[in-house]
Amino acid sequence: MNPPHLLRCRCGTVSGLLSHGERASRCVCYCKDCQAFAHFLGEPQRVLDPLGGSEVIATSPAWLQFTQGREALACMSLTEGGMLRWYTRCCRTAIGNTPRNHKFSYIGLLHSCLQSDPTHTLAASFGPLRMQLNRQSARQTQGPVPSASALSTTWAMLRIARMVAGARIGGSYLHTPFFDVHSSTPLAQRQVLSSAEYARLQQRVGQS
């Protein structure tokens, strides 16, 4: 088993530990909504690579423990039915994305909150990149978009599906730092963008 990996926001108010790194999957998502979230936070270059991709660690919320500052977490949705996107109020560090239903035990942690410990790289803790998602939305002018092999992508998707199903069957979906599982509500009040706010973010994505 890999040692726990440190999670930390830029200012140090929020910190935590992610265990079972060997069960996580690394991927890069280039979708317009992930790019819009990075622009919402105000400094997209901290989240996005030159092609507009966000590196994500796909893992289970049950394996994440906040040791400090959980009360500083905030969450938003780009649209009314959109996924929950978590960040810190203190310094607007991107934390990750979760489904709206806590019974789907998944979080995609953003690399920006996992790189504060130089002794534990993402590759060392979570292995190689396994998937590139939504490649059609990448900034094509920045060069070719890398693509994982079909075998690697299939392996990662099956691994994530097994993780989610196992949490549901075994009950570990009840252990999450993001939801009150009794009421199925997020522990931070959700901000939903208006259609005009969402359109402005998408415009910034198109201009970047």
N, C-alpha and C. Protein backbone atom coordinates (compact mmCIF):
# COMPACT_ATOMS: atom_id res chain seq x y z
N MET A 1 0.85 -1.20 0.00
CA MET A 1 0.00 0.00 0.00
C MET A 1 0.89 1.25 0.00
N ASN A 2 0.54 2.21 -0.86
CA ASN A 2 1.28 3.45 -0.90
C ASN A 2 1.02 4.26 0.37
N PRO A 3 1.98 5.05 0.82
CA PRO A 3 1.73 5.93 1.98
C PRO A 3 0.72 7.00 1.59
N PRO A 4 -0.01 7.56 2.57
CA PRO A 4 -0.99 8.60 2.26
C PRO A 4 -0.34 9.79 1.56
N HIS A 5 -1.11 10.38 0.66
CA HIS A 5 -0.64 11.53 -0.12
C HIS A 5 -1.25 12.79 0.48
N LEU A 6 -0.45 13.82 0.65
CA LEU A 6 -0.91 15.06 1.26
C LEU A 6 -1.78 15.86 0.30
N LEU A 7 -2.90 16.35 0.81
CA LEU A 7 -3.74 17.32 0.12
C LEU A 7 -3.63 18.65 0.86
N ARG A 8 -3.48 19.74 0.12
CA ARG A 8 -3.30 21.03 0.78
C ARG A 8 -3.70 22.15 -0.16
N CYS A 9 -4.40 23.16 0.36
CA CYS A 9 -4.69 24.34 -0.45
C CYS A 9 -3.48 25.26 -0.47
N ARG A 10 -3.49 26.26 -1.32
CA ARG A 10 -2.31 27.11 -1.50
C ARG A 10 -1.92 27.85 -0.23
N CYS A 11 -2.92 28.31 0.54
CA CYS A 11 -2.60 29.11 1.72
C CYS A 11 -2.41 28.26 2.97
N GLY A 12 -2.71 26.96 2.91
CA GLY A 12 -2.50 26.07 4.04
C GLY A 12 -3.67 25.97 5.00
N THR A 13 -4.77 26.67 4.72
CA THR A 13 -5.93 26.58 5.61
C THR A 13 -6.55 25.19 5.60
N VAL A 14 -6.62 24.59 4.43
CA VAL A 14 -7.23 23.27 4.26
C VAL A 14 -6.14 22.25 3.97
N SER A 15 -6.17 21.15 4.69
CA SER A 15 -5.22 20.07 4.42
C SER A 15 -5.88 18.74 4.73
N GLY A 16 -5.31 17.70 4.18
CA GLY A 16 -5.86 16.37 4.40
C GLY A 16 -4.93 15.31 3.87
N LEU A 17 -5.39 14.07 3.94
CA LEU A 17 -4.60 12.93 3.50
C LEU A 17 -5.47 12.03 2.63
N LEU A 18 -4.89 11.56 1.54
CA LEU A 18 -5.57 10.62 0.66
C LEU A 18 -4.83 9.29 0.71
N SER A 19 -5.54 8.25 1.12
CA SER A 19 -4.94 6.92 1.21
C SER A 19 -5.32 6.09 -0.01
N HIS A 20 -4.77 4.88 -0.08
CA HIS A 20 -5.07 3.93 -1.16
C HIS A 20 -4.78 4.52 -2.54
N GLY A 21 -3.66 5.23 -2.65
CA GLY A 21 -3.30 5.82 -3.93
C GLY A 21 -3.15 4.78 -5.03
N GLU A 22 -2.76 3.58 -4.66
CA GLU A 22 -2.58 2.52 -5.66
C GLU A 22 -3.90 2.09 -6.30
N ARG A 23 -5.03 2.48 -5.69
CA ARG A 23 -6.33 2.15 -6.27
C ARG A 23 -6.91 3.29 -7.09
N ALA A 24 -6.25 4.42 -7.10
CA ALA A 24 -6.73 5.58 -7.85
C ALA A 24 -6.31 5.48 -9.31
N SER A 25 -6.91 6.32 -10.14
CA SER A 25 -6.57 6.38 -11.56
C SER A 25 -6.32 7.83 -11.96
N ARG A 26 -5.22 8.05 -12.65
CA ARG A 26 -4.90 9.40 -13.14
C ARG A 26 -5.44 9.58 -14.56
N CYS A 27 -6.06 10.74 -14.79
CA CYS A 27 -6.53 11.04 -16.13
C CYS A 27 -6.47 12.56 -16.35
N VAL A 28 -6.64 12.96 -17.58
CA VAL A 28 -6.72 14.37 -17.93
C VAL A 28 -8.04 14.60 -18.65
N CYS A 29 -8.79 15.61 -18.22
CA CYS A 29 -10.07 15.95 -18.85
C CYS A 29 -9.94 17.31 -19.52
N TYR A 30 -10.35 17.37 -20.79
CA TYR A 30 -10.25 18.60 -21.56
C TYR A 30 -11.62 19.26 -21.78
N CYS A 31 -12.65 18.80 -21.11
CA CYS A 31 -14.00 19.30 -21.41
C CYS A 31 -14.14 20.79 -21.11
N LYS A 32 -15.10 21.41 -21.80
CA LYS A 32 -15.31 22.84 -21.65
C LYS A 32 -15.75 23.22 -20.23
N ASP A 33 -16.48 22.33 -19.57
CA ASP A 33 -16.93 22.65 -18.21
C ASP A 33 -15.77 22.63 -17.22
N CYS A 34 -14.85 21.69 -17.35
CA CYS A 34 -13.68 21.70 -16.48
C CYS A 34 -12.84 22.96 -16.72
N GLN A 35 -12.76 23.38 -17.98
CA GLN A 35 -12.05 24.62 -18.28
C GLN A 35 -12.80 25.82 -17.69
N ALA A 36 -14.13 25.79 -17.76
CA ALA A 36 -14.92 26.89 -17.21
C ALA A 36 -14.74 26.99 -15.69
N PHE A 37 -14.68 25.84 -15.01
CA PHE A 37 -14.46 25.84 -13.56
C PHE A 37 -13.13 26.48 -13.22
N ALA A 38 -12.10 26.18 -14.00
CA ALA A 38 -10.79 26.80 -13.76
C ALA A 38 -10.86 28.32 -13.92
N HIS A 39 -11.63 28.78 -14.89
CA HIS A 39 -11.79 30.23 -15.06
C HIS A 39 -12.63 30.82 -13.93
N PHE A 40 -13.61 30.08 -13.44
CA PHE A 40 -14.41 30.53 -12.31
C PHE A 40 -13.53 30.81 -11.09
N LEU A 41 -12.53 29.99 -10.89
CA LEU A 41 -11.64 30.16 -9.73
C LEU A 41 -10.72 31.37 -9.86
N GLY A 42 -10.57 31.88 -11.08
CA GLY A 42 -9.85 33.13 -11.25
C GLY A 42 -8.44 33.04 -11.78
N GLU A 43 -7.80 31.90 -11.62
CA GLU A 43 -6.43 31.73 -12.12
C GLU A 43 -6.36 30.38 -12.84
N PRO A 44 -6.89 30.33 -14.07
CA PRO A 44 -6.99 29.05 -14.77
C PRO A 44 -5.65 28.37 -15.01
N GLN A 45 -4.58 29.14 -15.08
CA GLN A 45 -3.26 28.54 -15.33
C GLN A 45 -2.82 27.66 -14.17
N ARG A 46 -3.42 27.81 -13.01
CA ARG A 46 -3.07 26.93 -11.88
C ARG A 46 -3.70 25.55 -12.01
N VAL A 47 -4.72 25.45 -12.84
CA VAL A 47 -5.45 24.18 -12.98
C VAL A 47 -5.22 23.55 -14.35
N LEU A 48 -5.19 24.36 -15.40
CA LEU A 48 -5.16 23.85 -16.76
C LEU A 48 -3.75 23.74 -17.30
N ASP A 49 -3.52 22.70 -18.09
CA ASP A 49 -2.25 22.59 -18.80
C ASP A 49 -2.35 23.41 -20.10
N PRO A 50 -1.30 23.52 -20.90
CA PRO A 50 -1.35 24.35 -22.10
C PRO A 50 -2.43 23.95 -23.11
N LEU A 51 -2.87 22.70 -23.06
CA LEU A 51 -3.92 22.24 -23.97
C LEU A 51 -5.31 22.42 -23.38
N GLY A 52 -5.39 22.98 -22.17
CA GLY A 52 -6.69 23.18 -21.52
C GLY A 52 -7.15 22.00 -20.71
N GLY A 53 -6.25 21.07 -20.42
CA GLY A 53 -6.63 19.89 -19.66
C GLY A 53 -6.46 20.05 -18.16
N SER A 54 -7.32 19.40 -17.41
CA SER A 54 -7.23 19.34 -15.95
C SER A 54 -6.83 17.93 -15.57
N GLU A 55 -5.71 17.78 -14.87
CA GLU A 55 -5.32 16.45 -14.42
C GLU A 55 -6.13 16.08 -13.18
N VAL A 56 -6.71 14.90 -13.22
CA VAL A 56 -7.65 14.46 -12.19
C VAL A 56 -7.19 13.11 -11.64
N ILE A 57 -7.30 12.98 -10.32
CA ILE A 57 -7.08 11.70 -9.66
C ILE A 57 -8.45 11.14 -9.30
N ALA A 58 -8.85 10.08 -10.00
CA ALA A 58 -10.15 9.46 -9.76
C ALA A 58 -10.04 8.50 -8.60
N THR A 59 -10.79 8.79 -7.52
CA THR A 59 -10.65 7.99 -6.31
C THR A 59 -11.97 8.01 -5.54
N SER A 60 -11.94 7.43 -4.35
CA SER A 60 -13.14 7.33 -3.52
C SER A 60 -13.10 8.36 -2.40
N PRO A 61 -14.20 9.07 -2.13
CA PRO A 61 -14.24 10.00 -0.99
C PRO A 61 -13.95 9.31 0.34
N ALA A 62 -14.23 8.01 0.43
CA ALA A 62 -13.99 7.29 1.68
C ALA A 62 -12.52 7.23 2.02
N TRP A 63 -11.66 7.42 1.05
CA TRP A 63 -10.21 7.34 1.28
C TRP A 63 -9.58 8.71 1.53
N LEU A 64 -10.43 9.74 1.58
CA LEU A 64 -9.95 11.11 1.80
C LEU A 64 -10.35 11.58 3.19
N GLN A 65 -9.39 12.07 3.93
CA GLN A 65 -9.65 12.61 5.27
C GLN A 65 -9.10 14.04 5.34
N PHE A 66 -9.99 14.98 5.67
CA PHE A 66 -9.53 16.34 5.91
C PHE A 66 -9.06 16.45 7.35
N THR A 67 -7.83 16.85 7.53
CA THR A 67 -7.26 16.98 8.88
C THR A 67 -7.35 18.39 9.40
N GLN A 68 -7.65 19.33 8.54
CA GLN A 68 -7.70 20.74 8.93
C GLN A 68 -8.51 21.52 7.90
N GLY A 69 -9.38 22.41 8.40
CA GLY A 69 -10.01 23.40 7.55
C GLY A 69 -11.18 22.94 6.70
N ARG A 70 -11.82 21.83 7.03
CA ARG A 70 -12.92 21.37 6.19
C ARG A 70 -14.04 22.41 6.10
N GLU A 71 -14.16 23.23 7.14
CA GLU A 71 -15.21 24.26 7.12
C GLU A 71 -14.96 25.33 6.06
N ALA A 72 -13.75 25.36 5.50
CA ALA A 72 -13.44 26.34 4.45
C ALA A 72 -13.78 25.82 3.05
N LEU A 73 -14.33 24.62 2.95
CA LEU A 73 -14.72 24.10 1.64
C LEU A 73 -15.96 24.81 1.12
N ALA A 74 -15.97 25.03 -0.17
CA ALA A 74 -17.14 25.59 -0.85
C ALA A 74 -17.45 24.71 -2.04
N CYS A 75 -18.69 24.74 -2.51
CA CYS A 75 -19.02 23.97 -3.70
C CYS A 75 -19.94 24.77 -4.61
N MET A 76 -19.84 24.49 -5.88
CA MET A 76 -20.64 25.17 -6.88
C MET A 76 -21.02 24.20 -7.98
N SER A 77 -22.00 24.61 -8.78
CA SER A 77 -22.35 23.89 -10.00
C SER A 77 -22.42 24.91 -11.12
N LEU A 78 -21.90 24.53 -12.26
CA LEU A 78 -21.98 25.43 -13.40
C LEU A 78 -23.41 25.58 -13.89
N THR A 79 -24.21 24.53 -13.75
CA THR A 79 -25.62 24.54 -14.14
C THR A 79 -26.43 23.87 -13.04
N GLU A 80 -27.73 24.01 -13.12
CA GLU A 80 -28.60 23.47 -12.07
C GLU A 80 -28.42 21.97 -11.91
N GLY A 81 -28.25 21.25 -12.99
CA GLY A 81 -28.11 19.80 -12.90
C GLY A 81 -26.67 19.32 -12.96
N GLY A 82 -25.73 20.24 -12.86
CA GLY A 82 -24.33 19.88 -13.02
C GLY A 82 -23.73 19.22 -11.80
N MET A 83 -22.57 18.62 -12.00
CA MET A 83 -21.87 17.99 -10.90
C MET A 83 -21.40 19.04 -9.89
N LEU A 84 -21.08 18.60 -8.70
CA LEU A 84 -20.59 19.49 -7.66
C LEU A 84 -19.08 19.68 -7.83
N ARG A 85 -18.66 20.92 -7.84
CA ARG A 85 -17.24 21.25 -8.01
C ARG A 85 -16.78 21.96 -6.74
N TRP A 86 -15.82 21.34 -6.06
CA TRP A 86 -15.40 21.78 -4.74
C TRP A 86 -14.10 22.57 -4.82
N TYR A 87 -14.02 23.61 -3.98
CA TYR A 87 -12.82 24.44 -3.91
C TYR A 87 -12.77 25.04 -2.51
N THR A 88 -11.73 25.80 -2.22
CA THR A 88 -11.61 26.42 -0.90
C THR A 88 -11.96 27.89 -0.97
N ARG A 89 -12.72 28.36 0.00
CA ARG A 89 -13.08 29.77 0.07
C ARG A 89 -11.88 30.65 0.37
N CYS A 90 -10.93 30.11 1.11
CA CYS A 90 -9.80 30.92 1.59
C CYS A 90 -8.92 31.41 0.44
N CYS A 91 -8.52 30.51 -0.47
CA CYS A 91 -7.61 30.90 -1.55
C CYS A 91 -8.05 30.36 -2.90
N ARG A 92 -9.28 29.85 -2.96
CA ARG A 92 -9.88 29.38 -4.21
C ARG A 92 -9.02 28.32 -4.90
N THR A 93 -8.50 27.41 -4.11
CA THR A 93 -7.80 26.25 -4.66
C THR A 93 -8.82 25.20 -5.08
N ALA A 94 -8.69 24.70 -6.29
CA ALA A 94 -9.58 23.63 -6.76
C ALA A 94 -9.31 22.35 -5.98
N ILE A 95 -10.36 21.73 -5.47
CA ILE A 95 -10.23 20.47 -4.74
C ILE A 95 -10.65 19.30 -5.61
N GLY A 96 -11.89 19.31 -6.11
CA GLY A 96 -12.30 18.19 -6.94
C GLY A 96 -13.77 18.24 -7.31
N ASN A 97 -14.19 17.24 -8.05
CA ASN A 97 -15.55 17.15 -8.56
C ASN A 97 -16.22 15.87 -8.06
N THR A 98 -17.45 16.01 -7.59
CA THR A 98 -18.21 14.84 -7.14
C THR A 98 -19.57 14.81 -7.84
N PRO A 99 -20.16 13.63 -7.96
CA PRO A 99 -21.56 13.56 -8.39
C PRO A 99 -22.46 14.24 -7.36
N ARG A 100 -23.68 14.52 -7.76
CA ARG A 100 -24.63 15.17 -6.85
C ARG A 100 -25.20 14.18 -5.84
N ASN A 101 -25.12 12.90 -6.15
CA ASN A 101 -25.64 11.85 -5.27
C ASN A 101 -24.47 11.18 -4.55
N HIS A 102 -24.45 11.26 -3.22
CA HIS A 102 -23.33 10.71 -2.46
C HIS A 102 -23.24 9.19 -2.58
N LYS A 103 -24.31 8.54 -3.00
CA LYS A 103 -24.28 7.08 -3.14
C LYS A 103 -23.38 6.65 -4.29
N PHE A 104 -23.10 7.58 -5.21
CA PHE A 104 -22.13 7.32 -6.26
C PHE A 104 -20.79 7.77 -5.72
N SER A 105 -20.06 6.85 -5.12
CA SER A 105 -18.88 7.18 -4.31
C SER A 105 -17.67 7.44 -5.20
N TYR A 106 -17.55 8.68 -5.62
CA TYR A 106 -16.47 9.06 -6.54
C TYR A 106 -16.09 10.51 -6.29
N ILE A 107 -14.80 10.82 -6.37
CA ILE A 107 -14.34 12.19 -6.49
C ILE A 107 -13.16 12.21 -7.46
N GLY A 108 -13.17 13.21 -8.31
CA GLY A 108 -12.03 13.48 -9.17
C GLY A 108 -11.25 14.62 -8.56
N LEU A 109 -10.18 14.31 -7.84
CA LEU A 109 -9.38 15.34 -7.18
C LEU A 109 -8.50 16.04 -8.21
N LEU A 110 -8.47 17.36 -8.16
CA LEU A 110 -7.64 18.14 -9.07
C LEU A 110 -6.19 18.14 -8.61
N HIS A 111 -5.29 18.05 -9.55
CA HIS A 111 -3.86 17.99 -9.23
C HIS A 111 -3.39 19.19 -8.43
N SER A 112 -4.09 20.32 -8.58
CA SER A 112 -3.64 21.57 -7.95
C SER A 112 -3.64 21.51 -6.43
N CYS A 113 -4.39 20.58 -5.83
CA CYS A 113 -4.39 20.46 -4.37
C CYS A 113 -3.53 19.29 -3.89
N LEU A 114 -2.83 18.65 -4.82
CA LEU A 114 -2.08 17.44 -4.47
C LEU A 114 -0.59 17.56 -4.76
N GLN A 115 -0.11 18.76 -5.06
CA GLN A 115 1.27 18.92 -5.48
C GLN A 115 2.13 19.70 -4.50
N SER A 116 1.68 19.84 -3.26
CA SER A 116 2.42 20.65 -2.30
C SER A 116 3.57 19.89 -1.63
N ASP A 117 3.61 18.58 -1.80
CA ASP A 117 4.67 17.78 -1.19
C ASP A 117 5.59 17.24 -2.29
N PRO A 118 6.74 17.85 -2.51
CA PRO A 118 7.62 17.43 -3.62
C PRO A 118 8.19 16.03 -3.43
N THR A 119 8.13 15.48 -2.23
CA THR A 119 8.67 14.14 -2.00
C THR A 119 7.72 13.04 -2.47
N HIS A 120 6.46 13.41 -2.75
CA HIS A 120 5.48 12.44 -3.22
C HIS A 120 4.85 12.99 -4.50
N THR A 121 5.38 12.60 -5.64
CA THR A 121 4.84 13.05 -6.91
C THR A 121 3.53 12.31 -7.21
N LEU A 122 2.76 12.87 -8.14
CA LEU A 122 1.52 12.21 -8.52
C LEU A 122 1.81 10.84 -9.14
N ALA A 123 2.86 10.76 -9.93
CA ALA A 123 3.19 9.48 -10.56
C ALA A 123 3.57 8.44 -9.51
N ALA A 124 4.34 8.86 -8.50
CA ALA A 124 4.76 7.92 -7.47
C ALA A 124 3.57 7.43 -6.64
N SER A 125 2.64 8.32 -6.37
CA SER A 125 1.50 7.96 -5.52
C SER A 125 0.39 7.26 -6.28
N PHE A 126 0.16 7.65 -7.54
CA PHE A 126 -1.04 7.20 -8.24
C PHE A 126 -0.75 6.49 -9.57
N GLY A 127 0.51 6.37 -9.92
CA GLY A 127 0.83 5.67 -11.15
C GLY A 127 0.78 6.56 -12.38
N PRO A 128 0.91 5.97 -13.56
CA PRO A 128 0.94 6.76 -14.80
C PRO A 128 -0.44 7.26 -15.21
N LEU A 129 -0.46 8.21 -16.13
CA LEU A 129 -1.73 8.66 -16.71
C LEU A 129 -2.37 7.51 -17.47
N ARG A 130 -3.67 7.33 -17.24
CA ARG A 130 -4.38 6.20 -17.84
C ARG A 130 -5.37 6.61 -18.92
N MET A 131 -5.91 7.85 -18.83
CA MET A 131 -6.96 8.27 -19.76
C MET A 131 -6.81 9.74 -20.11
N GLN A 132 -7.22 10.10 -21.31
CA GLN A 132 -7.44 11.49 -21.71
C GLN A 132 -8.88 11.58 -22.19
N LEU A 133 -9.67 12.40 -21.52
CA LEU A 133 -11.10 12.49 -21.79
C LEU A 133 -11.44 13.78 -22.53
N ASN A 134 -12.45 13.71 -23.41
CA ASN A 134 -12.96 14.89 -24.12
C ASN A 134 -11.85 15.61 -24.89
N ARG A 135 -11.06 14.85 -25.60
CA ARG A 135 -9.93 15.41 -26.32
C ARG A 135 -10.37 16.41 -27.39
N GLN A 136 -11.61 16.28 -27.88
CA GLN A 136 -12.11 17.19 -28.91
C GLN A 136 -12.23 18.63 -28.41
N SER A 137 -12.25 18.81 -27.09
CA SER A 137 -12.39 20.16 -26.53
C SER A 137 -11.04 20.78 -26.15
N ALA A 138 -9.96 20.09 -26.43
CA ALA A 138 -8.63 20.63 -26.11
C ALA A 138 -8.31 21.81 -27.01
N ARG A 139 -7.35 22.61 -26.58
CA ARG A 139 -6.87 23.73 -27.39
C ARG A 139 -5.99 23.16 -28.50
N GLN A 140 -6.59 22.93 -29.63
CA GLN A 140 -5.89 22.26 -30.71
C GLN A 140 -4.71 23.07 -31.24
N THR A 141 -4.75 24.38 -31.06
CA THR A 141 -3.67 25.24 -31.58
C THR A 141 -2.39 25.09 -30.78
N GLN A 142 -2.46 24.41 -29.63
CA GLN A 142 -1.28 24.27 -28.77
C GLN A 142 -0.48 23.00 -29.07
N GLY A 143 -0.86 22.28 -30.12
CA GLY A 143 -0.12 21.08 -30.46
C GLY A 143 -0.99 19.85 -30.35
N PRO A 144 -0.42 18.68 -30.66
CA PRO A 144 -1.20 17.44 -30.63
C PRO A 144 -1.62 17.07 -29.21
N VAL A 145 -2.82 16.51 -29.12
CA VAL A 145 -3.36 16.09 -27.83
C VAL A 145 -2.95 14.63 -27.59
N PRO A 146 -2.29 14.34 -26.47
CA PRO A 146 -1.89 12.95 -26.22
C PRO A 146 -3.10 12.04 -26.06
N SER A 147 -2.91 10.79 -26.36
CA SER A 147 -3.99 9.83 -26.26
C SER A 147 -3.46 8.53 -25.66
N ALA A 148 -4.11 8.08 -24.61
CA ALA A 148 -3.75 6.80 -24.02
C ALA A 148 -4.24 5.66 -24.91
N SER A 149 -3.67 4.52 -24.74
CA SER A 149 -4.08 3.36 -25.52
C SER A 149 -5.50 2.94 -25.12
N ALA A 150 -6.16 2.28 -26.03
CA ALA A 150 -7.51 1.78 -25.75
C ALA A 150 -7.51 0.84 -24.56
N LEU A 151 -6.47 0.04 -24.44
CA LEU A 151 -6.37 -0.90 -23.33
C LEU A 151 -6.24 -0.16 -22.01
N SER A 152 -5.40 0.88 -21.97
CA SER A 152 -5.22 1.66 -20.74
C SER A 152 -6.50 2.36 -20.34
N THR A 153 -7.20 2.92 -21.32
CA THR A 153 -8.46 3.62 -21.04
C THR A 153 -9.51 2.67 -20.51
N THR A 154 -9.65 1.53 -21.16
CA THR A 154 -10.63 0.54 -20.71
C THR A 154 -10.30 0.04 -19.31
N TRP A 155 -9.03 -0.20 -19.05
CA TRP A 155 -8.60 -0.65 -17.72
C TRP A 155 -8.98 0.37 -16.66
N ALA A 156 -8.73 1.65 -16.94
CA ALA A 156 -9.04 2.70 -15.97
C ALA A 156 -10.53 2.82 -15.73
N MET A 157 -11.33 2.76 -16.79
CA MET A 157 -12.78 2.88 -16.63
C MET A 157 -13.35 1.71 -15.83
N LEU A 158 -12.86 0.52 -16.10
CA LEU A 158 -13.32 -0.64 -15.33
C LEU A 158 -12.90 -0.53 -13.87
N ARG A 159 -11.72 0.01 -13.65
CA ARG A 159 -11.23 0.17 -12.28
C ARG A 159 -12.10 1.15 -11.50
N ILE A 160 -12.47 2.26 -12.14
CA ILE A 160 -13.33 3.24 -11.49
C ILE A 160 -14.71 2.65 -11.23
N ALA A 161 -15.26 1.93 -12.21
CA ALA A 161 -16.58 1.31 -12.04
C ALA A 161 -16.56 0.31 -10.89
N ARG A 162 -15.50 -0.47 -10.80
CA ARG A 162 -15.39 -1.45 -9.71
C ARG A 162 -15.30 -0.74 -8.36
N MET A 163 -14.58 0.37 -8.31
CA MET A 163 -14.46 1.13 -7.07
C MET A 163 -15.82 1.65 -6.60
N VAL A 164 -16.58 2.22 -7.54
CA VAL A 164 -17.90 2.77 -7.19
C VAL A 164 -18.85 1.66 -6.77
N ALA A 165 -18.87 0.56 -7.53
CA ALA A 165 -19.76 -0.55 -7.19
C ALA A 165 -19.38 -1.18 -5.86
N GLY A 166 -18.09 -1.32 -5.62
CA GLY A 166 -17.65 -1.89 -4.36
C GLY A 166 -18.03 -1.05 -3.17
N ALA A 167 -17.96 0.28 -3.32
CA ALA A 167 -18.36 1.17 -2.23
C ALA A 167 -19.84 1.07 -1.94
N ARG A 168 -20.63 0.91 -2.98
CA ARG A 168 -22.08 0.80 -2.80
C ARG A 168 -22.45 -0.51 -2.13
N ILE A 169 -21.84 -1.58 -2.57
CA ILE A 169 -22.14 -2.90 -2.00
C ILE A 169 -21.61 -3.01 -0.58
N GLY A 170 -20.39 -2.53 -0.35
CA GLY A 170 -19.76 -2.67 0.95
C GLY A 170 -20.15 -1.61 1.97
N GLY A 171 -20.80 -0.53 1.51
CA GLY A 171 -21.26 0.50 2.43
C GLY A 171 -20.28 1.63 2.68
N SER A 172 -19.11 1.60 2.03
CA SER A 172 -18.15 2.67 2.29
C SER A 172 -18.57 4.00 1.69
N TYR A 173 -19.61 3.97 0.82
CA TYR A 173 -20.13 5.23 0.28
C TYR A 173 -20.68 6.13 1.39
N LEU A 174 -20.95 5.55 2.56
CA LEU A 174 -21.45 6.32 3.69
C LEU A 174 -20.36 7.14 4.35
N HIS A 175 -19.11 6.91 3.98
CA HIS A 175 -17.98 7.66 4.55
C HIS A 175 -17.50 8.67 3.51
N THR A 176 -17.93 9.89 3.68
CA THR A 176 -17.57 10.95 2.75
C THR A 176 -17.44 12.27 3.51
N PRO A 177 -16.40 13.05 3.23
CA PRO A 177 -16.24 14.34 3.89
C PRO A 177 -17.01 15.46 3.20
N PHE A 178 -17.82 15.11 2.19
CA PHE A 178 -18.49 16.15 1.40
C PHE A 178 -19.99 16.22 1.60
N PHE A 179 -20.59 15.17 2.16
CA PHE A 179 -22.04 15.11 2.27
C PHE A 179 -22.48 14.73 3.68
N ASP A 180 -23.66 15.22 4.05
CA ASP A 180 -24.40 14.65 5.17
C ASP A 180 -25.18 13.47 4.60
N VAL A 181 -24.75 12.28 4.91
CA VAL A 181 -25.33 11.11 4.26
C VAL A 181 -26.76 10.84 4.71
N HIS A 182 -27.17 11.40 5.84
CA HIS A 182 -28.54 11.19 6.32
C HIS A 182 -29.54 12.01 5.52
N SER A 183 -29.13 13.19 5.09
CA SER A 183 -30.02 14.05 4.30
C SER A 183 -29.62 14.11 2.83
N SER A 184 -28.50 13.49 2.50
CA SER A 184 -27.98 13.49 1.12
C SER A 184 -27.69 14.89 0.59
N THR A 185 -27.34 15.79 1.50
CA THR A 185 -27.04 17.16 1.08
C THR A 185 -25.55 17.45 1.26
N PRO A 186 -24.98 18.27 0.37
CA PRO A 186 -23.56 18.63 0.52
C PRO A 186 -23.35 19.44 1.80
N LEU A 187 -22.17 19.30 2.40
CA LEU A 187 -21.87 19.97 3.65
C LEU A 187 -21.51 21.45 3.46
N ALA A 188 -21.43 21.89 2.23
CA ALA A 188 -21.27 23.31 1.94
C ALA A 188 -22.43 23.73 1.05
N GLN A 189 -22.93 24.94 1.26
CA GLN A 189 -24.04 25.41 0.45
C GLN A 189 -23.62 25.53 -1.01
N ARG A 190 -24.42 24.97 -1.88
CA ARG A 190 -24.06 24.94 -3.29
C ARG A 190 -24.43 26.25 -3.99
N GLN A 191 -23.48 26.80 -4.70
CA GLN A 191 -23.72 27.96 -5.55
C GLN A 191 -23.97 27.48 -6.97
N VAL A 192 -25.08 27.89 -7.55
CA VAL A 192 -25.39 27.53 -8.94
C VAL A 192 -25.29 28.79 -9.79
N LEU A 193 -24.51 28.73 -10.84
CA LEU A 193 -24.35 29.89 -11.70
C LEU A 193 -25.62 30.17 -12.49
N SER A 194 -25.87 31.44 -12.76
CA SER A 194 -26.95 31.80 -13.67
C SER A 194 -26.53 31.46 -15.10
N SER A 195 -27.49 31.42 -16.00
CA SER A 195 -27.17 31.12 -17.40
C SER A 195 -26.23 32.17 -17.98
N ALA A 196 -26.38 33.43 -17.53
CA ALA A 196 -25.50 34.49 -18.03
C ALA A 196 -24.08 34.32 -17.50
N GLU A 197 -23.95 33.94 -16.23
CA GLU A 197 -22.62 33.70 -15.67
C GLU A 197 -21.93 32.53 -16.35
N TYR A 198 -22.70 31.49 -16.60
CA TYR A 198 -22.15 30.32 -17.27
C TYR A 198 -21.69 30.67 -18.69
N ALA A 199 -22.51 31.47 -19.39
CA ALA A 199 -22.16 31.87 -20.75
C ALA A 199 -20.88 32.71 -20.77
N ARG A 200 -20.71 33.56 -19.77
CA ARG A 200 -19.49 34.38 -19.72
C ARG A 200 -18.25 33.52 -19.51
N LEU A 201 -18.37 32.50 -18.65
CA LEU A 201 -17.24 31.60 -18.45
C LEU A 201 -16.91 30.84 -19.73
N GLN A 202 -17.94 30.37 -20.42
CA GLN A 202 -17.69 29.65 -21.66
C GLN A 202 -17.05 30.56 -22.71
N GLN A 203 -17.40 31.83 -22.67
CA GLN A 203 -16.78 32.78 -23.59
C GLN A 203 -15.29 32.93 -23.28
N ARG A 204 -14.96 32.96 -21.98
CA ARG A 204 -13.54 33.04 -21.60
C ARG A 204 -12.78 31.79 -22.05
N VAL A 205 -13.44 30.65 -21.94
CA VAL A 205 -12.81 29.41 -22.40
C VAL A 205 -12.50 29.51 -23.89
N GLY A 206 -13.46 30.01 -24.65
CA GLY A 206 -13.28 30.12 -26.09
C GLY A 206 -12.20 31.11 -26.49
N GLN A 207 -11.92 32.08 -25.61
CA GLN A 207 -10.91 33.09 -25.91
C GLN A 207 -9.53 32.71 -25.43
N SER A 208 -9.44 31.70 -24.58
CA SER A 208 -8.15 31.35 -24.00
C SER A 208 -7.31 30.51 -24.94
